[in-house]
Amino acid sequence: MSLPSSALPPAPEPGAPLSAQEVWDLLQTRWQVSYDLQLVQRRGRLYLQVMWAYLEQQSFPLTEEGYRSKLEELVGLLNGLGVAEQVRSWLGTTSDKPRQGKAMGLALEIPAGRASEFLL
């Protein structure tokens, strides 16, 4: 269960790892729904995509438990890539919104040395 937006915990210290709950809260605060997130590789770059489908849709393919599990795994990857602050900043400030059939994407700036672990 997520916290109401008025009861959000204080902002984490810069450089702190992301948590799945923090990402959930950022999505809820920004768009009032839990959009699907995906990590996508294109032309040697990694992108975090905010898809147009969301947990609260009747047709969404995951349960809340499945969504949270997927979010935990994704957040672990983002923390491993060293991009927590980029993601936190972007989700907290973007004015865009995913549209049906059009995802939003953040080109991740991966610190040197970490990209080779994830990009083939």
PDB file of N, CA and C in Angstrom:
ATOM      1  N   MET A   1       0.842  -1.179   0.000  1.00  0.00           N
ATOM      2  CA  MET A   1       0.000   0.000   0.000  1.00  0.00           C
ATOM      3  C   MET A   1       0.884   1.237   0.000  1.00  0.00           C
ATOM      4  N   SER A   2       0.551   2.219  -0.805  1.00  0.00           N
ATOM      5  CA  SER A   2       1.376   3.417  -0.896  1.00  0.00           C
ATOM      6  C   SER A   2       0.902   4.475   0.088  1.00  0.00           C
ATOM      7  N   LEU A   3       1.806   5.376   0.394  1.00  0.00           N
ATOM      8  CA  LEU A   3       1.490   6.483   1.281  1.00  0.00           C
ATOM      9  C   LEU A   3       0.722   7.549   0.524  1.00  0.00           C
ATOM     10  N   PRO A   4      -0.227   8.240   1.171  1.00  0.00           N
ATOM     11  CA  PRO A   4      -0.866   9.372   0.499  1.00  0.00           C
ATOM     12  C   PRO A   4       0.185  10.435   0.198  1.00  0.00           C
ATOM     13  N   SER A   5      -0.003  11.173  -0.899  1.00  0.00           N
ATOM     14  CA  SER A   5       1.014  12.139  -1.309  1.00  0.00           C
ATOM     15  C   SER A   5       1.288  13.192  -0.238  1.00  0.00           C
ATOM     16  N   SER A   6       0.310  13.509   0.597  1.00  0.00           N
ATOM     17  CA  SER A   6       0.542  14.491   1.652  1.00  0.00           C
ATOM     18  C   SER A   6       1.430  13.939   2.757  1.00  0.00           C
ATOM     19  N   ALA A   7       1.610  12.599   2.786  1.00  0.00           N
ATOM     20  CA  ALA A   7       2.411  11.975   3.830  1.00  0.00           C
ATOM     21  C   ALA A   7       3.728  11.435   3.286  1.00  0.00           C
ATOM     22  N   LEU A   8       4.191  11.982   2.167  1.00  0.00           N
ATOM     23  CA  LEU A   8       5.443  11.497   1.589  1.00  0.00           C
ATOM     24  C   LEU A   8       6.592  11.770   2.540  1.00  0.00           C
ATOM     25  N   PRO A   9       7.527  10.842   2.610  1.00  0.00           N
ATOM     26  CA  PRO A   9       8.697  11.070   3.457  1.00  0.00           C
ATOM     27  C   PRO A   9       9.555  12.180   2.878  1.00  0.00           C
ATOM     28  N   PRO A  10      10.457  12.743   3.675  1.00  0.00           N
ATOM     29  CA  PRO A  10      11.328  13.802   3.160  1.00  0.00           C
ATOM     30  C   PRO A  10      12.174  13.285   1.997  1.00  0.00           C
ATOM     31  N   ALA A  11      12.588  14.200   1.155  1.00  0.00           N
ATOM     32  CA  ALA A  11      13.401  13.838  -0.012  1.00  0.00           C
ATOM     33  C   ALA A  11      14.698  13.190   0.461  1.00  0.00           C
ATOM     34  N   PRO A  12      15.139  12.137  -0.245  1.00  0.00           N
ATOM     35  CA  PRO A  12      16.388  11.477   0.139  1.00  0.00           C
ATOM     36  C   PRO A  12      17.593  12.365  -0.155  1.00  0.00           C
ATOM     37  N   GLU A  13      18.688  12.047   0.492  1.00  0.00           N
ATOM     38  CA  GLU A  13      19.938  12.761   0.260  1.00  0.00           C
ATOM     39  C   GLU A  13      20.391  12.548  -1.180  1.00  0.00           C
ATOM     40  N   PRO A  14      20.993  13.554  -1.824  1.00  0.00           N
ATOM     41  CA  PRO A  14      21.532  13.355  -3.170  1.00  0.00           C
ATOM     42  C   PRO A  14      22.526  12.190  -3.168  1.00  0.00           C
ATOM     43  N   GLY A  15      22.418  11.355  -4.172  1.00  0.00           N
ATOM     44  CA  GLY A  15      23.295  10.202  -4.277  1.00  0.00           C
ATOM     45  C   GLY A  15      22.765   8.958  -3.587  1.00  0.00           C
ATOM     46  N   ALA A  16      21.683   9.094  -2.822  1.00  0.00           N
ATOM     47  CA  ALA A  16      21.095   7.934  -2.142  1.00  0.00           C
ATOM     48  C   ALA A  16      20.462   7.013  -3.184  1.00  0.00           C
ATOM     49  N   PRO A  17      20.477   5.714  -2.936  1.00  0.00           N
ATOM     50  CA  PRO A  17      19.843   4.799  -3.889  1.00  0.00           C
ATOM     51  C   PRO A  17      18.330   5.010  -3.918  1.00  0.00           C
ATOM     52  N   LEU A  18      17.749   4.675  -5.051  1.00  0.00           N
ATOM     53  CA  LEU A  18      16.290   4.709  -5.190  1.00  0.00           C
ATOM     54  C   LEU A  18      15.691   3.533  -4.432  1.00  0.00           C
ATOM     55  N   SER A  19      14.452   3.671  -4.032  1.00  0.00           N
ATOM     56  CA  SER A  19      13.693   2.533  -3.513  1.00  0.00           C
ATOM     57  C   SER A  19      12.448   2.394  -4.386  1.00  0.00           C
ATOM     58  N   ALA A  20      11.893   1.199  -4.427  1.00  0.00           N
ATOM     59  CA  ALA A  20      10.682   0.977  -5.202  1.00  0.00           C
ATOM     60  C   ALA A  20       9.554   1.864  -4.680  1.00  0.00           C
ATOM     61  N   GLN A  21       9.475   2.035  -3.351  1.00  0.00           N
ATOM     62  CA  GLN A  21       8.420   2.879  -2.782  1.00  0.00           C
ATOM     63  C   GLN A  21       8.596   4.336  -3.221  1.00  0.00           C
ATOM     64  N   GLU A  22       9.840   4.801  -3.289  1.00  0.00           N
ATOM     65  CA  GLU A  22      10.087   6.178  -3.731  1.00  0.00           C
ATOM     66  C   GLU A  22       9.636   6.370  -5.169  1.00  0.00           C
ATOM     67  N   VAL A  23       9.944   5.413  -6.040  1.00  0.00           N
ATOM     68  CA  VAL A  23       9.523   5.511  -7.441  1.00  0.00           C
ATOM     69  C   VAL A  23       7.998   5.471  -7.523  1.00  0.00           C
ATOM     70  N   TRP A  24       7.386   4.574  -6.772  1.00  0.00           N
ATOM     71  CA  TRP A  24       5.914   4.493  -6.722  1.00  0.00           C
ATOM     72  C   TRP A  24       5.354   5.864  -6.315  1.00  0.00           C
ATOM     73  N   ASP A  25       5.903   6.454  -5.256  1.00  0.00           N
ATOM     74  CA  ASP A  25       5.431   7.754  -4.772  1.00  0.00           C
ATOM     75  C   ASP A  25       5.632   8.855  -5.813  1.00  0.00           C
ATOM     76  N   LEU A  26       6.776   8.836  -6.511  1.00  0.00           N
ATOM     77  CA  LEU A  26       7.028   9.835  -7.553  1.00  0.00           C
ATOM     78  C   LEU A  26       5.998   9.718  -8.673  1.00  0.00           C
ATOM     79  N   LEU A  27       5.696   8.494  -9.078  1.00  0.00           N
ATOM     80  CA  LEU A  27       4.688   8.288 -10.132  1.00  0.00           C
ATOM     81  C   LEU A  27       3.321   8.768  -9.668  1.00  0.00           C
ATOM     82  N   GLN A  28       2.953   8.414  -8.455  1.00  0.00           N
ATOM     83  CA  GLN A  28       1.647   8.810  -7.917  1.00  0.00           C
ATOM     84  C   GLN A  28       1.537  10.330  -7.765  1.00  0.00           C
ATOM     85  N   THR A  29       2.604  10.950  -7.300  1.00  0.00           N
ATOM     86  CA  THR A  29       2.589  12.402  -7.114  1.00  0.00           C
ATOM     87  C   THR A  29       2.504  13.124  -8.455  1.00  0.00           C
ATOM     88  N   ARG A  30       3.272  12.652  -9.431  1.00  0.00           N
ATOM     89  CA  ARG A  30       3.343  13.312 -10.736  1.00  0.00           C
ATOM     90  C   ARG A  30       2.068  13.087 -11.553  1.00  0.00           C
ATOM     91  N   TRP A  31       1.585  11.831 -11.619  1.00  0.00           N
ATOM     92  CA  TRP A  31       0.480  11.518 -12.540  1.00  0.00           C
ATOM     93  C   TRP A  31      -0.726  10.859 -11.882  1.00  0.00           C
ATOM     94  N   GLN A  32      -0.692  10.601 -10.596  1.00  0.00           N
ATOM     95  CA  GLN A  32      -1.777   9.971  -9.847  1.00  0.00           C
ATOM     96  C   GLN A  32      -2.080   8.538 -10.291  1.00  0.00           C
ATOM     97  N   VAL A  33      -1.173   7.915 -11.029  1.00  0.00           N
ATOM     98  CA  VAL A  33      -1.281   6.505 -11.407  1.00  0.00           C
ATOM     99  C   VAL A  33       0.112   5.884 -11.386  1.00  0.00           C
ATOM    100  N   SER A  34       0.161   4.563 -11.423  1.00  0.00           N
ATOM    101  CA  SER A  34       1.419   3.818 -11.385  1.00  0.00           C
ATOM    102  C   SER A  34       1.746   3.304 -12.777  1.00  0.00           C
ATOM    103  N   TYR A  35       2.388   4.145 -13.572  1.00  0.00           N
ATOM    104  CA  TYR A  35       2.742   3.763 -14.937  1.00  0.00           C
ATOM    105  C   TYR A  35       3.748   2.623 -14.947  1.00  0.00           C
ATOM    106  N   ASP A  36       3.667   1.814 -16.001  1.00  0.00           N
ATOM    107  CA  ASP A  36       4.631   0.752 -16.228  1.00  0.00           C
ATOM    108  C   ASP A  36       5.954   1.389 -16.636  1.00  0.00           C
ATOM    109  N   LEU A  37       7.045   0.890 -16.101  1.00  0.00           N
ATOM    110  CA  LEU A  37       8.382   1.380 -16.435  1.00  0.00           C
ATOM    111  C   LEU A  37       9.167   0.252 -17.073  1.00  0.00           C
ATOM    112  N   GLN A  38       9.980   0.600 -18.062  1.00  0.00           N
ATOM    113  CA  GLN A  38      10.813  -0.393 -18.735  1.00  0.00           C
ATOM    114  C   GLN A  38      12.186   0.189 -18.998  1.00  0.00           C
ATOM    115  N   LEU A  39      13.181  -0.682 -18.956  1.00  0.00           N
ATOM    116  CA  LEU A  39      14.543  -0.329 -19.317  1.00  0.00           C
ATOM    117  C   LEU A  39      14.758  -0.882 -20.718  1.00  0.00           C
ATOM    118  N   VAL A  40      15.112  -0.008 -21.670  1.00  0.00           N
ATOM    119  CA  VAL A  40      15.218  -0.386 -23.073  1.00  0.00           C
ATOM    120  C   VAL A  40      16.599  -0.010 -23.598  1.00  0.00           C
ATOM    121  N   GLN A  41      17.189  -0.905 -24.388  1.00  0.00           N
ATOM    122  CA  GLN A  41      18.474  -0.621 -25.026  1.00  0.00           C
ATOM    123  C   GLN A  41      18.238  -0.363 -26.508  1.00  0.00           C
ATOM    124  N   ARG A  42      18.748   0.768 -26.995  1.00  0.00           N
ATOM    125  CA  ARG A  42      18.674   1.118 -28.415  1.00  0.00           C
ATOM    126  C   ARG A  42      19.980   1.767 -28.830  1.00  0.00           C
ATOM    127  N   ARG A  43      20.538   1.273 -29.929  1.00  0.00           N
ATOM    128  CA  ARG A  43      21.763   1.848 -30.492  1.00  0.00           C
ATOM    129  C   ARG A  43      22.845   2.088 -29.440  1.00  0.00           C
ATOM    130  N   GLY A  44      23.049   1.102 -28.580  1.00  0.00           N
ATOM    131  CA  GLY A  44      24.122   1.200 -27.599  1.00  0.00           C
ATOM    132  C   GLY A  44      23.848   2.110 -26.422  1.00  0.00           C
ATOM    133  N   ARG A  45      22.613   2.563 -26.250  1.00  0.00           N
ATOM    134  CA  ARG A  45      22.236   3.428 -25.120  1.00  0.00           C
ATOM    135  C   ARG A  45      21.109   2.781 -24.352  1.00  0.00           C
ATOM    136  N   LEU A  46      21.041   3.096 -23.085  1.00  0.00           N
ATOM    137  CA  LEU A  46      19.934   2.625 -22.257  1.00  0.00           C
ATOM    138  C   LEU A  46      18.974   3.771 -21.985  1.00  0.00           C
ATOM    139  N   TYR A  47      17.688   3.454 -22.022  1.00  0.00           N
ATOM    140  CA  TYR A  47      16.623   4.418 -21.766  1.00  0.00           C
ATOM    141  C   TYR A  47      15.684   3.863 -20.713  1.00  0.00           C
ATOM    142  N   LEU A  48      15.243   4.715 -19.822  1.00  0.00           N
ATOM    143  CA  LEU A  48      14.150   4.376 -18.931  1.00  0.00           C
ATOM    144  C   LEU A  48      12.897   4.904 -19.607  1.00  0.00           C
ATOM    145  N   GLN A  49      11.944   4.015 -19.862  1.00  0.00           N
ATOM    146  CA  GLN A  49      10.716   4.432 -20.507  1.00  0.00           C
ATOM    147  C   GLN A  49       9.547   4.351 -19.537  1.00  0.00           C
ATOM    148  N   VAL A  50       8.729   5.388 -19.542  1.00  0.00           N
ATOM    149  CA  VAL A  50       7.465   5.398 -18.823  1.00  0.00           C
ATOM    150  C   VAL A  50       6.411   5.086 -19.880  1.00  0.00           C
ATOM    151  N   MET A  51       5.808   3.912 -19.751  1.00  0.00           N
ATOM    152  CA  MET A  51       4.839   3.448 -20.733  1.00  0.00           C
ATOM    153  C   MET A  51       3.472   4.080 -20.466  1.00  0.00           C
ATOM    154  N   TRP A  52       2.557   3.912 -21.380  1.00  0.00           N
ATOM    155  CA  TRP A  52       1.223   4.507 -21.242  1.00  0.00           C
ATOM    156  C   TRP A  52       0.282   3.638 -20.415  1.00  0.00           C
ATOM    157  N   ALA A  53       0.595   2.364 -20.240  1.00  0.00           N
ATOM    158  CA  ALA A  53      -0.247   1.475 -19.432  1.00  0.00           C
ATOM    159  C   ALA A  53       0.079   1.686 -17.955  1.00  0.00           C
ATOM    160  N   TYR A  54      -0.917   1.500 -17.107  1.00  0.00           N
ATOM    161  CA  TYR A  54      -0.692   1.696 -15.679  1.00  0.00           C
ATOM    162  C   TYR A  54      -1.484   0.696 -14.846  1.00  0.00           C
ATOM    163  N   LEU A  55      -0.976   0.466 -13.641  1.00  0.00           N
ATOM    164  CA  LEU A  55      -1.506  -0.544 -12.735  1.00  0.00           C
ATOM    165  C   LEU A  55      -3.003  -0.385 -12.485  1.00  0.00           C
ATOM    166  N   GLU A  56      -3.484   0.815 -12.385  1.00  0.00           N
ATOM    167  CA  GLU A  56      -4.880   1.050 -12.029  1.00  0.00           C
ATOM    168  C   GLU A  56      -5.851   0.786 -13.187  1.00  0.00           C
ATOM    169  N   GLN A  57      -5.331   0.489 -14.377  1.00  0.00           N
ATOM    170  CA  GLN A  57      -6.180   0.139 -15.523  1.00  0.00           C
ATOM    171  C   GLN A  57      -6.718  -1.267 -15.333  1.00  0.00           C
ATOM    172  N   GLN A  58      -7.953  -1.467 -15.698  1.00  0.00           N
ATOM    173  CA  GLN A  58      -8.560  -2.790 -15.598  1.00  0.00           C
ATOM    174  C   GLN A  58      -7.824  -3.806 -16.478  1.00  0.00           C
ATOM    175  N   SER A  59      -7.323  -3.362 -17.630  1.00  0.00           N
ATOM    176  CA  SER A  59      -6.667  -4.275 -18.567  1.00  0.00           C
ATOM    177  C   SER A  59      -5.168  -4.465 -18.298  1.00  0.00           C
ATOM    178  N   PHE A  60      -4.623  -3.846 -17.260  1.00  0.00           N
ATOM    179  CA  PHE A  60      -3.195  -3.970 -16.973  1.00  0.00           C
ATOM    180  C   PHE A  60      -2.880  -5.426 -16.654  1.00  0.00           C
ATOM    181  N   PRO A  61      -1.809  -5.987 -17.249  1.00  0.00           N
ATOM    182  CA  PRO A  61      -1.560  -7.430 -17.124  1.00  0.00           C
ATOM    183  C   PRO A  61      -0.980  -7.909 -15.790  1.00  0.00           C
ATOM    184  N   LEU A  62      -0.554  -7.014 -14.912  1.00  0.00           N
ATOM    185  CA  LEU A  62       0.053  -7.424 -13.647  1.00  0.00           C
ATOM    186  C   LEU A  62      -0.863  -7.110 -12.471  1.00  0.00           C
ATOM    187  N   THR A  63      -0.738  -7.915 -11.421  1.00  0.00           N
ATOM    188  CA  THR A  63      -1.381  -7.587 -10.153  1.00  0.00           C
ATOM    189  C   THR A  63      -0.525  -6.543  -9.452  1.00  0.00           C
ATOM    190  N   GLU A  64      -1.010  -5.982  -8.361  1.00  0.00           N
ATOM    191  CA  GLU A  64      -0.193  -5.027  -7.613  1.00  0.00           C
ATOM    192  C   GLU A  64       1.086  -5.698  -7.122  1.00  0.00           C
ATOM    193  N   GLU A  65       0.982  -6.935  -6.663  1.00  0.00           N
ATOM    194  CA  GLU A  65       2.163  -7.672  -6.192  1.00  0.00           C
ATOM    195  C   GLU A  65       3.167  -7.864  -7.333  1.00  0.00           C
ATOM    196  N   GLY A  66       2.688  -8.232  -8.513  1.00  0.00           N
ATOM    197  CA  GLY A  66       3.566  -8.411  -9.668  1.00  0.00           C
ATOM    198  C   GLY A  66       4.209  -7.100 -10.095  1.00  0.00           C
ATOM    199  N   TYR A  67       3.431  -6.011 -10.051  1.00  0.00           N
ATOM    200  CA  TYR A  67       3.947  -4.689 -10.408  1.00  0.00           C
ATOM    201  C   TYR A  67       5.053  -4.283  -9.434  1.00  0.00           C
ATOM    202  N   ARG A  68       4.811  -4.459  -8.144  1.00  0.00           N
ATOM    203  CA  ARG A  68       5.809  -4.086  -7.134  1.00  0.00           C
ATOM    204  C   ARG A  68       7.088  -4.920  -7.288  1.00  0.00           C
ATOM    205  N   SER A  69       6.927  -6.190  -7.605  1.00  0.00           N
ATOM    206  CA  SER A  69       8.085  -7.049  -7.813  1.00  0.00           C
ATOM    207  C   SER A  69       8.903  -6.569  -9.013  1.00  0.00           C
ATOM    208  N   LYS A  70       8.214  -6.236 -10.096  1.00  0.00           N
ATOM    209  CA  LYS A  70       8.888  -5.723 -11.291  1.00  0.00           C
ATOM    210  C   LYS A  70       9.587  -4.397 -10.974  1.00  0.00           C
ATOM    211  N   LEU A  71       8.924  -3.543 -10.207  1.00  0.00           N
ATOM    212  CA  LEU A  71       9.488  -2.254  -9.825  1.00  0.00           C
ATOM    213  C   LEU A  71      10.742  -2.443  -8.957  1.00  0.00           C
ATOM    214  N   GLU A  72      10.719  -3.384  -8.027  1.00  0.00           N
ATOM    215  CA  GLU A  72      11.889  -3.679  -7.185  1.00  0.00           C
ATOM    216  C   GLU A  72      13.078  -4.098  -8.053  1.00  0.00           C
ATOM    217  N   GLU A  73      12.818  -4.967  -9.031  1.00  0.00           N
ATOM    218  CA  GLU A  73      13.891  -5.437  -9.906  1.00  0.00           C
ATOM    219  C   GLU A  73      14.454  -4.283 -10.740  1.00  0.00           C
ATOM    220  N   LEU A  74      13.583  -3.463 -11.299  1.00  0.00           N
ATOM    221  CA  LEU A  74      14.009  -2.325 -12.113  1.00  0.00           C
ATOM    222  C   LEU A  74      14.821  -1.335 -11.287  1.00  0.00           C
ATOM    223  N   VAL A  75      14.358  -1.031 -10.088  1.00  0.00           N
ATOM    224  CA  VAL A  75      15.061  -0.088  -9.211  1.00  0.00           C
ATOM    225  C   VAL A  75      16.444  -0.640  -8.856  1.00  0.00           C
ATOM    226  N   GLY A  76      16.549  -1.936  -8.638  1.00  0.00           N
ATOM    227  CA  GLY A  76      17.846  -2.546  -8.384  1.00  0.00           C
ATOM    228  C   GLY A  76      18.803  -2.343  -9.545  1.00  0.00           C
ATOM    229  N   LEU A  77      18.299  -2.505 -10.772  1.00  0.00           N
ATOM    230  CA  LEU A  77      19.129  -2.268 -11.960  1.00  0.00           C
ATOM    231  C   LEU A  77      19.544  -0.806 -12.059  1.00  0.00           C
ATOM    232  N   LEU A  78      18.606   0.104 -11.839  1.00  0.00           N
ATOM    233  CA  LEU A  78      18.913   1.540 -11.923  1.00  0.00           C
ATOM    234  C   LEU A  78      19.964   1.936 -10.888  1.00  0.00           C
ATOM    235  N   ASN A  79      19.836   1.408  -9.679  1.00  0.00           N
ATOM    236  CA  ASN A  79      20.833   1.685  -8.640  1.00  0.00           C
ATOM    237  C   ASN A  79      22.183   1.104  -9.031  1.00  0.00           C
ATOM    238  N   GLY A  80      22.188  -0.094  -9.597  1.00  0.00           N
ATOM    239  CA  GLY A  80      23.423  -0.726 -10.041  1.00  0.00           C
ATOM    240  C   GLY A  80      24.110   0.048 -11.149  1.00  0.00           C
ATOM    241  N   LEU A  81      23.319   0.714 -11.972  1.00  0.00           N
ATOM    242  CA  LEU A  81      23.860   1.526 -13.058  1.00  0.00           C
ATOM    243  C   LEU A  81      24.373   2.880 -12.566  1.00  0.00           C
ATOM    244  N   GLY A  82      24.023   3.239 -11.350  1.00  0.00           N
ATOM    245  CA  GLY A  82      24.461   4.520 -10.806  1.00  0.00           C
ATOM    246  C   GLY A  82      23.681   5.712 -11.338  1.00  0.00           C
ATOM    247  N   VAL A  83      22.412   5.497 -11.690  1.00  0.00           N
ATOM    248  CA  VAL A  83      21.612   6.573 -12.290  1.00  0.00           C
ATOM    249  C   VAL A  83      20.427   6.995 -11.413  1.00  0.00           C
ATOM    250  N   ALA A  84      20.464   6.653 -10.134  1.00  0.00           N
ATOM    251  CA  ALA A  84      19.347   6.956  -9.238  1.00  0.00           C
ATOM    252  C   ALA A  84      18.986   8.438  -9.249  1.00  0.00           C
ATOM    253  N   GLU A  85      19.987   9.291  -9.151  1.00  0.00           N
ATOM    254  CA  GLU A  85      19.703  10.736  -9.084  1.00  0.00           C
ATOM    255  C   GLU A  85      19.102  11.258 -10.389  1.00  0.00           C
ATOM    256  N   GLN A  86      19.561  10.749 -11.535  1.00  0.00           N
ATOM    257  CA  GLN A  86      18.981  11.147 -12.829  1.00  0.00           C
ATOM    258  C   GLN A  86      17.502  10.790 -12.884  1.00  0.00           C
ATOM    259  N   VAL A  87      17.197   9.568 -12.486  1.00  0.00           N
ATOM    260  CA  VAL A  87      15.818   9.081 -12.534  1.00  0.00           C
ATOM    261  C   VAL A  87      14.948   9.858 -11.554  1.00  0.00           C
ATOM    262  N   ARG A  88      15.444  10.045 -10.345  1.00  0.00           N
ATOM    263  CA  ARG A  88      14.704  10.785  -9.311  1.00  0.00           C
ATOM    264  C   ARG A  88      14.386  12.202  -9.795  1.00  0.00           C
ATOM    265  N   SER A  89      15.378  12.865 -10.332  1.00  0.00           N
ATOM    266  CA  SER A  89      15.208  14.235 -10.807  1.00  0.00           C
ATOM    267  C   SER A  89      14.211  14.299 -11.964  1.00  0.00           C
ATOM    268  N   TRP A  90      14.364  13.403 -12.925  1.00  0.00           N
ATOM    269  CA  TRP A  90      13.497  13.415 -14.106  1.00  0.00           C
ATOM    270  C   TRP A  90      12.049  13.115 -13.737  1.00  0.00           C
ATOM    271  N   LEU A  91      11.826  12.067 -12.935  1.00  0.00           N
ATOM    272  CA  LEU A  91      10.450  11.737 -12.553  1.00  0.00           C
ATOM    273  C   LEU A  91       9.818  12.842 -11.709  1.00  0.00           C
ATOM    274  N   GLY A  92      10.638  13.543 -10.959  1.00  0.00           N
ATOM    275  CA  GLY A  92      10.116  14.604 -10.109  1.00  0.00           C
ATOM    276  C   GLY A  92       9.856  15.918 -10.809  1.00  0.00           C
ATOM    277  N   THR A  93      10.432  16.110 -12.003  1.00  0.00           N
ATOM    278  CA  THR A  93      10.316  17.421 -12.642  1.00  0.00           C
ATOM    279  C   THR A  93       9.701  17.418 -14.037  1.00  0.00           C
ATOM    280  N   THR A  94       9.634  16.272 -14.702  1.00  0.00           N
ATOM    281  CA  THR A  94       9.129  16.280 -16.071  1.00  0.00           C
ATOM    282  C   THR A  94       7.690  16.783 -16.132  1.00  0.00           C
ATOM    283  N   SER A  95       7.401  17.538 -17.157  1.00  0.00           N
ATOM    284  CA  SER A  95       6.035  18.025 -17.337  1.00  0.00           C
ATOM    285  C   SER A  95       5.299  17.210 -18.394  1.00  0.00           C
ATOM    286  N   ASP A  96       6.014  16.289 -19.049  1.00  0.00           N
ATOM    287  CA  ASP A  96       5.393  15.420 -20.048  1.00  0.00           C
ATOM    288  C   ASP A  96       4.529  14.374 -19.373  1.00  0.00           C
ATOM    289  N   LYS A  97       3.729  13.715 -20.212  1.00  0.00           N
ATOM    290  CA  LYS A  97       2.872  12.640 -19.734  1.00  0.00           C
ATOM    291  C   LYS A  97       2.801  11.586 -20.831  1.00  0.00           C
ATOM    292  N   PRO A  98       2.901  10.299 -20.461  1.00  0.00           N
ATOM    293  CA  PRO A  98       2.769   9.269 -21.493  1.00  0.00           C
ATOM    294  C   PRO A  98       1.401   9.359 -22.154  1.00  0.00           C
ATOM    295  N   ARG A  99       1.360   9.100 -23.434  1.00  0.00           N
ATOM    296  CA  ARG A  99       0.106   9.098 -24.197  1.00  0.00           C
ATOM    297  C   ARG A  99      -0.104   7.709 -24.772  1.00  0.00           C
ATOM    298  N   GLN A 100      -1.329   7.368 -25.055  1.00  0.00           N
ATOM    299  CA  GLN A 100      -1.642   6.060 -25.633  1.00  0.00           C
ATOM    300  C   GLN A 100      -0.749   5.788 -26.834  1.00  0.00           C
ATOM    301  N   GLY A 101       0.035   4.725 -26.754  1.00  0.00           N
ATOM    302  CA  GLY A 101       0.916   4.342 -27.839  1.00  0.00           C
ATOM    303  C   GLY A 101       2.230   5.101 -27.900  1.00  0.00           C
ATOM    304  N   LYS A 102       2.474   6.030 -26.980  1.00  0.00           N
ATOM    305  CA  LYS A 102       3.709   6.829 -27.000  1.00  0.00           C
ATOM    306  C   LYS A 102       4.299   6.911 -25.592  1.00  0.00           C
ATOM    307  N   ALA A 103       5.396   6.202 -25.412  1.00  0.00           N
ATOM    308  CA  ALA A 103       6.077   6.212 -24.120  1.00  0.00           C
ATOM    309  C   ALA A 103       6.954   7.455 -23.990  1.00  0.00           C
ATOM    310  N   MET A 104       7.275   7.802 -22.755  1.00  0.00           N
ATOM    311  CA  MET A 104       8.255   8.853 -22.480  1.00  0.00           C
ATOM    312  C   MET A 104       9.581   8.164 -22.213  1.00  0.00           C
ATOM    313  N   GLY A 105      10.670   8.768 -22.621  1.00  0.00           N
ATOM    314  CA  GLY A 105      11.960   8.126 -22.406  1.00  0.00           C
ATOM    315  C   GLY A 105      13.010   9.059 -21.844  1.00  0.00           C
ATOM    316  N   LEU A 106      13.818   8.530 -20.936  1.00  0.00           N
ATOM    317  CA  LEU A 106      14.959   9.234 -20.383  1.00  0.00           C
ATOM    318  C   LEU A 106      16.209   8.491 -20.832  1.00  0.00           C
ATOM    319  N   ALA A 107      17.059   9.175 -21.610  1.00  0.00           N
ATOM    320  CA  ALA A 107      18.345   8.592 -22.007  1.00  0.00           C
ATOM    321  C   ALA A 107      19.250   8.614 -20.779  1.00  0.00           C
ATOM    322  N   LEU A 108      19.626   7.455 -20.288  1.00  0.00           N
ATOM    323  CA  LEU A 108      20.424   7.364 -19.067  1.00  0.00           C
ATOM    324  C   LEU A 108      21.894   7.644 -19.353  1.00  0.00           C
ATOM    325  N   GLU A 109      22.477   8.505 -18.549  1.00  0.00           N
ATOM    326  CA  GLU A 109      23.905   8.819 -18.630  1.00  0.00           C
ATOM    327  C   GLU A 109      24.597   7.916 -17.618  1.00  0.00           C
ATOM    328  N   ILE A 110      25.125   6.802 -18.099  1.00  0.00           N
ATOM    329  CA  ILE A 110      25.705   5.794 -17.221  1.00  0.00           C
ATOM    330  C   ILE A 110      27.170   6.129 -16.953  1.00  0.00           C
ATOM    331  N   PRO A 111      27.560   6.144 -15.668  1.00  0.00           N
ATOM    332  CA  PRO A 111      28.964   6.423 -15.341  1.00  0.00           C
ATOM    333  C   PRO A 111      29.897   5.431 -16.021  1.00  0.00           C
ATOM    334  N   ALA A 112      31.052   5.904 -16.412  1.00  0.00           N
ATOM    335  CA  ALA A 112      32.048   5.076 -17.104  1.00  0.00           C
ATOM    336  C   ALA A 112      32.324   3.803 -16.315  1.00  0.00           C
ATOM    337  N   GLY A 113      32.463   2.716 -17.041  1.00  0.00           N
ATOM    338  CA  GLY A 113      32.764   1.437 -16.416  1.00  0.00           C
ATOM    339  C   GLY A 113      31.541   0.596 -16.102  1.00  0.00           C
ATOM    340  N   ARG A 114      30.421   1.222 -15.852  1.00  0.00           N
ATOM    341  CA  ARG A 114      29.227   0.458 -15.518  1.00  0.00           C
ATOM    342  C   ARG A 114      28.454   0.024 -16.747  1.00  0.00           C
ATOM    343  N   ALA A 115      28.553   0.781 -17.814  1.00  0.00           N
ATOM    344  CA  ALA A 115      27.793   0.464 -19.028  1.00  0.00           C
ATOM    345  C   ALA A 115      28.173  -0.895 -19.598  1.00  0.00           C
ATOM    346  N   SER A 116      29.451  -1.254 -19.537  1.00  0.00           N
ATOM    347  CA  SER A 116      29.899  -2.506 -20.138  1.00  0.00           C
ATOM    348  C   SER A 116      29.256  -3.718 -19.462  1.00  0.00           C
ATOM    349  N   GLU A 117      28.824  -3.570 -18.229  1.00  0.00           N
ATOM    350  CA  GLU A 117      28.166  -4.670 -17.535  1.00  0.00           C
ATOM    351  C   GLU A 117      26.757  -4.927 -18.071  1.00  0.00           C
ATOM    352  N   PHE A 118      26.146  -3.904 -18.671  1.00  0.00           N
ATOM    353  CA  PHE A 118      24.753  -4.001 -19.078  1.00  0.00           C
ATOM    354  C   PHE A 118      24.549  -3.984 -20.573  1.00  0.00           C
ATOM    355  N   LEU A 119      25.468  -3.391 -21.315  1.00  0.00           N
ATOM    356  CA  LEU A 119      25.308  -3.284 -22.763  1.00  0.00           C
ATOM    357  C   LEU A 119      26.149  -4.334 -23.464  1.00  0.00           C
ATOM    358  N   LEU A 120      25.535  -5.026 -24.377  1.00  0.00           N
ATOM    359  CA  LEU A 120      26.253  -6.051 -25.140  1.00  0.00           C
ATOM    360  C   LEU A 120      26.597  -5.527 -26.512  1.00  0.00           C
TER     361      LEU A 120
END
